[in-house]
Structure formats: C-alpha cells, structure tokens
Amino acid sequence: MAAMRDFSNASFPPEVIEIMTTAFEAAIATLPEPVHLSHITIVAKSILRTADAGERDAAVLERIALMELQIAQRR
C-alpha cells in the first residue's frame, strides 16, 4: 500500500467510490492479458488523483487513466 500513500488524506462519499470503481474496472478490462501490477497501480492512482480533483464522470476517469498509462509506458 506504499504506492497509495499520496492519497492517505483523500476521502470520498460512497457514490463517488462507486463511480471510481466503475471507471477502474472498465479501464482494467480493456488491458491485454497479462495485466501487470504496475499498470493496475498507474490506473488506480490516476483515478484517485482525478476524482480527488473533482471529476465525477466514470468515462472521463477511465479515459484519463488509460491515457496516463499510455504515457507511462512510453517513458
């Protein structure tokens, strides 16, 4: 859980957690097998960061997370 340390003070109501879960599951479902832990971590951190900034659309959260994953893979 050290990777999620940046979000130790984040707090989300249940309806936002549902939106984030939907976005996370949709993003992970698009990834080719095998899905690497590092990819899961990048997607999760992106969704947490974007939701913490106020985004509440699951499709937008998913798209941003997948774009960040693509950028991270190019580095």
N, C-alpha and C. Protein backbone atom coordinates (compact mmCIF):
# COMPACT_ATOMS: atom_id res chain seq x y z
N MET A 1 0.80 -1.19 0.00
CA MET A 1 0.00 0.00 0.00
C MET A 1 0.85 1.26 0.00
N ALA A 2 2.16 1.15 0.02
CA ALA A 2 3.01 2.33 -0.01
C ALA A 2 2.77 3.16 -1.25
N ALA A 3 2.40 2.52 -2.35
CA ALA A 3 2.15 3.25 -3.60
C ALA A 3 0.96 4.19 -3.48
N MET A 4 0.06 3.94 -2.56
CA MET A 4 -1.13 4.76 -2.40
C MET A 4 -0.97 5.78 -1.27
N ARG A 5 0.21 5.92 -0.75
CA ARG A 5 0.47 6.83 0.36
C ARG A 5 0.07 8.27 0.03
N ASP A 6 0.17 8.68 -1.23
CA ASP A 6 -0.17 10.04 -1.63
C ASP A 6 -1.63 10.37 -1.38
N PHE A 7 -2.44 9.39 -1.17
CA PHE A 7 -3.88 9.60 -1.02
C PHE A 7 -4.38 9.31 0.39
N SER A 8 -3.48 9.34 1.35
CA SER A 8 -3.86 8.98 2.72
C SER A 8 -4.89 9.94 3.31
N ASN A 9 -4.96 11.16 2.83
CA ASN A 9 -5.92 12.13 3.35
C ASN A 9 -7.15 12.27 2.47
N ALA A 10 -7.22 11.53 1.38
CA ALA A 10 -8.37 11.62 0.48
C ALA A 10 -9.58 10.94 1.12
N SER A 11 -10.73 11.53 0.89
CA SER A 11 -11.97 10.98 1.42
C SER A 11 -13.05 11.14 0.35
N PHE A 12 -13.78 10.06 0.09
CA PHE A 12 -14.79 10.06 -0.95
C PHE A 12 -16.09 9.49 -0.41
N PRO A 13 -17.23 10.10 -0.76
CA PRO A 13 -18.51 9.52 -0.37
C PRO A 13 -18.78 8.24 -1.17
N PRO A 14 -19.68 7.40 -0.66
CA PRO A 14 -19.94 6.11 -1.32
C PRO A 14 -20.29 6.21 -2.80
N GLU A 15 -21.04 7.24 -3.20
CA GLU A 15 -21.43 7.34 -4.61
C GLU A 15 -20.21 7.65 -5.50
N VAL A 16 -19.23 8.36 -4.99
CA VAL A 16 -18.02 8.64 -5.76
C VAL A 16 -17.15 7.38 -5.82
N ILE A 17 -17.12 6.63 -4.75
CA ILE A 17 -16.38 5.36 -4.75
C ILE A 17 -16.98 4.42 -5.79
N GLU A 18 -18.29 4.40 -5.93
CA GLU A 18 -18.93 3.59 -6.97
C GLU A 18 -18.50 4.02 -8.36
N ILE A 19 -18.46 5.33 -8.59
CA ILE A 19 -18.03 5.87 -9.89
C ILE A 19 -16.58 5.49 -10.16
N MET A 20 -15.73 5.63 -9.16
CA MET A 20 -14.32 5.29 -9.32
C MET A 20 -14.14 3.80 -9.57
N THR A 21 -14.91 2.98 -8.88
CA THR A 21 -14.85 1.53 -9.08
C THR A 21 -15.26 1.16 -10.50
N THR A 22 -16.32 1.78 -10.98
CA THR A 22 -16.78 1.53 -12.36
C THR A 22 -15.69 1.90 -13.35
N ALA A 23 -15.08 3.07 -13.16
CA ALA A 23 -14.01 3.53 -14.05
C ALA A 23 -12.81 2.59 -14.00
N PHE A 24 -12.43 2.18 -12.81
CA PHE A 24 -11.28 1.29 -12.63
C PHE A 24 -11.52 -0.05 -13.32
N GLU A 25 -12.68 -0.65 -13.06
CA GLU A 25 -12.97 -1.96 -13.66
C GLU A 25 -13.04 -1.87 -15.17
N ALA A 26 -13.62 -0.79 -15.70
CA ALA A 26 -13.71 -0.63 -17.15
C ALA A 26 -12.32 -0.45 -17.76
N ALA A 27 -11.48 0.34 -17.11
CA ALA A 27 -10.12 0.56 -17.63
C ALA A 27 -9.31 -0.72 -17.62
N ILE A 28 -9.36 -1.46 -16.54
CA ILE A 28 -8.59 -2.70 -16.43
C ILE A 28 -9.10 -3.73 -17.44
N ALA A 29 -10.40 -3.75 -17.69
CA ALA A 29 -10.97 -4.72 -18.65
C ALA A 29 -10.47 -4.49 -20.06
N THR A 30 -10.00 -3.28 -20.37
CA THR A 30 -9.52 -3.00 -21.72
C THR A 30 -8.06 -3.43 -21.93
N LEU A 31 -7.36 -3.73 -20.85
CA LEU A 31 -5.94 -4.05 -20.95
C LEU A 31 -5.73 -5.48 -21.42
N PRO A 32 -4.72 -5.69 -22.26
CA PRO A 32 -4.44 -7.05 -22.72
C PRO A 32 -3.85 -7.90 -21.59
N GLU A 33 -4.12 -9.18 -21.64
CA GLU A 33 -3.55 -10.12 -20.67
C GLU A 33 -2.09 -10.36 -21.00
N PRO A 34 -1.25 -10.61 -20.08
CA PRO A 34 -1.47 -10.49 -18.65
C PRO A 34 -1.41 -9.02 -18.22
N VAL A 35 -2.26 -8.68 -17.28
CA VAL A 35 -2.28 -7.32 -16.75
C VAL A 35 -1.24 -7.25 -15.63
N HIS A 36 -0.33 -6.31 -15.77
CA HIS A 36 0.76 -6.17 -14.81
C HIS A 36 0.34 -5.30 -13.63
N LEU A 37 0.87 -5.61 -12.47
CA LEU A 37 0.59 -4.84 -11.26
C LEU A 37 0.93 -3.36 -11.44
N SER A 38 2.00 -3.09 -12.15
CA SER A 38 2.38 -1.69 -12.37
C SER A 38 1.31 -0.94 -13.16
N HIS A 39 0.67 -1.62 -14.10
CA HIS A 39 -0.41 -1.00 -14.88
C HIS A 39 -1.63 -0.73 -13.99
N ILE A 40 -1.94 -1.69 -13.15
CA ILE A 40 -3.06 -1.53 -12.22
C ILE A 40 -2.81 -0.34 -11.30
N THR A 41 -1.59 -0.22 -10.82
CA THR A 41 -1.24 0.88 -9.91
C THR A 41 -1.36 2.23 -10.61
N ILE A 42 -0.89 2.33 -11.83
CA ILE A 42 -0.98 3.59 -12.58
C ILE A 42 -2.43 3.98 -12.78
N VAL A 43 -3.28 3.01 -13.17
CA VAL A 43 -4.70 3.28 -13.38
C VAL A 43 -5.36 3.73 -12.07
N ALA A 44 -5.10 3.01 -11.01
CA ALA A 44 -5.71 3.34 -9.71
C ALA A 44 -5.30 4.73 -9.23
N LYS A 45 -4.00 5.04 -9.32
CA LYS A 45 -3.52 6.35 -8.87
C LYS A 45 -4.13 7.47 -9.71
N SER A 46 -4.23 7.24 -11.00
CA SER A 46 -4.82 8.25 -11.88
C SER A 46 -6.28 8.52 -11.51
N ILE A 47 -7.03 7.45 -11.30
CA ILE A 47 -8.45 7.61 -10.95
C ILE A 47 -8.58 8.32 -9.60
N LEU A 48 -7.79 7.93 -8.63
CA LEU A 48 -7.83 8.60 -7.33
C LEU A 48 -7.49 10.08 -7.45
N ARG A 49 -6.43 10.39 -8.18
CA ARG A 49 -5.98 11.77 -8.33
C ARG A 49 -7.04 12.61 -9.06
N THR A 50 -7.59 12.06 -10.13
CA THR A 50 -8.57 12.80 -10.93
C THR A 50 -9.88 12.98 -10.17
N ALA A 51 -10.30 11.96 -9.45
CA ALA A 51 -11.53 12.08 -8.64
C ALA A 51 -11.30 13.06 -7.50
N ASP A 52 -10.11 13.04 -6.92
CA ASP A 52 -9.80 13.98 -5.84
C ASP A 52 -9.82 15.43 -6.35
N ALA A 53 -9.54 15.60 -7.65
CA ALA A 53 -9.58 16.94 -8.26
C ALA A 53 -11.01 17.36 -8.60
N GLY A 54 -11.97 16.42 -8.45
CA GLY A 54 -13.37 16.80 -8.63
C GLY A 54 -14.10 16.13 -9.76
N GLU A 55 -13.41 15.33 -10.59
CA GLU A 55 -14.10 14.68 -11.71
C GLU A 55 -15.04 13.59 -11.19
N ARG A 56 -16.26 13.55 -11.76
CA ARG A 56 -17.25 12.59 -11.29
C ARG A 56 -17.86 11.75 -12.41
N ASP A 57 -17.31 11.83 -13.60
CA ASP A 57 -17.79 11.06 -14.74
C ASP A 57 -16.90 9.83 -14.90
N ALA A 58 -17.48 8.64 -14.77
CA ALA A 58 -16.71 7.40 -14.84
C ALA A 58 -15.98 7.26 -16.17
N ALA A 59 -16.62 7.64 -17.26
CA ALA A 59 -15.99 7.53 -18.58
C ALA A 59 -14.77 8.44 -18.68
N VAL A 60 -14.86 9.62 -18.12
CA VAL A 60 -13.73 10.55 -18.14
C VAL A 60 -12.60 10.01 -17.26
N LEU A 61 -12.93 9.51 -16.09
CA LEU A 61 -11.92 8.92 -15.21
C LEU A 61 -11.20 7.78 -15.91
N GLU A 62 -11.96 6.93 -16.58
CA GLU A 62 -11.38 5.80 -17.31
C GLU A 62 -10.44 6.29 -18.41
N ARG A 63 -10.91 7.23 -19.23
CA ARG A 63 -10.10 7.74 -20.36
C ARG A 63 -8.80 8.38 -19.87
N ILE A 64 -8.88 9.18 -18.84
CA ILE A 64 -7.68 9.83 -18.32
C ILE A 64 -6.70 8.79 -17.79
N ALA A 65 -7.21 7.80 -17.09
CA ALA A 65 -6.34 6.75 -16.54
C ALA A 65 -5.64 5.99 -17.66
N LEU A 66 -6.37 5.66 -18.72
CA LEU A 66 -5.77 4.92 -19.83
C LEU A 66 -4.76 5.79 -20.59
N MET A 67 -5.03 7.08 -20.71
CA MET A 67 -4.06 7.98 -21.35
C MET A 67 -2.79 8.08 -20.51
N GLU A 68 -2.95 8.19 -19.19
CA GLU A 68 -1.77 8.25 -18.32
C GLU A 68 -0.97 6.96 -18.39
N LEU A 69 -1.66 5.84 -18.52
CA LEU A 69 -0.97 4.55 -18.65
C LEU A 69 -0.16 4.53 -19.94
N GLN A 70 -0.73 4.99 -21.03
CA GLN A 70 -0.01 5.03 -22.31
C GLN A 70 1.24 5.90 -22.20
N ILE A 71 1.09 7.06 -21.57
CA ILE A 71 2.23 7.97 -21.41
C ILE A 71 3.31 7.30 -20.56
N ALA A 72 2.91 6.66 -19.48
CA ALA A 72 3.88 6.00 -18.58
C ALA A 72 4.62 4.88 -19.29
N GLN A 73 3.95 4.18 -20.19
CA GLN A 73 4.59 3.07 -20.89
C GLN A 73 5.62 3.56 -21.90
N ARG A 74 5.49 4.78 -22.37
CA ARG A 74 6.43 5.33 -23.36
C ARG A 74 7.71 5.83 -22.70
N ARG A 75 7.71 6.01 -21.41
CA ARG A 75 8.91 6.53 -20.71
C ARG A 75 9.94 5.49 -20.58
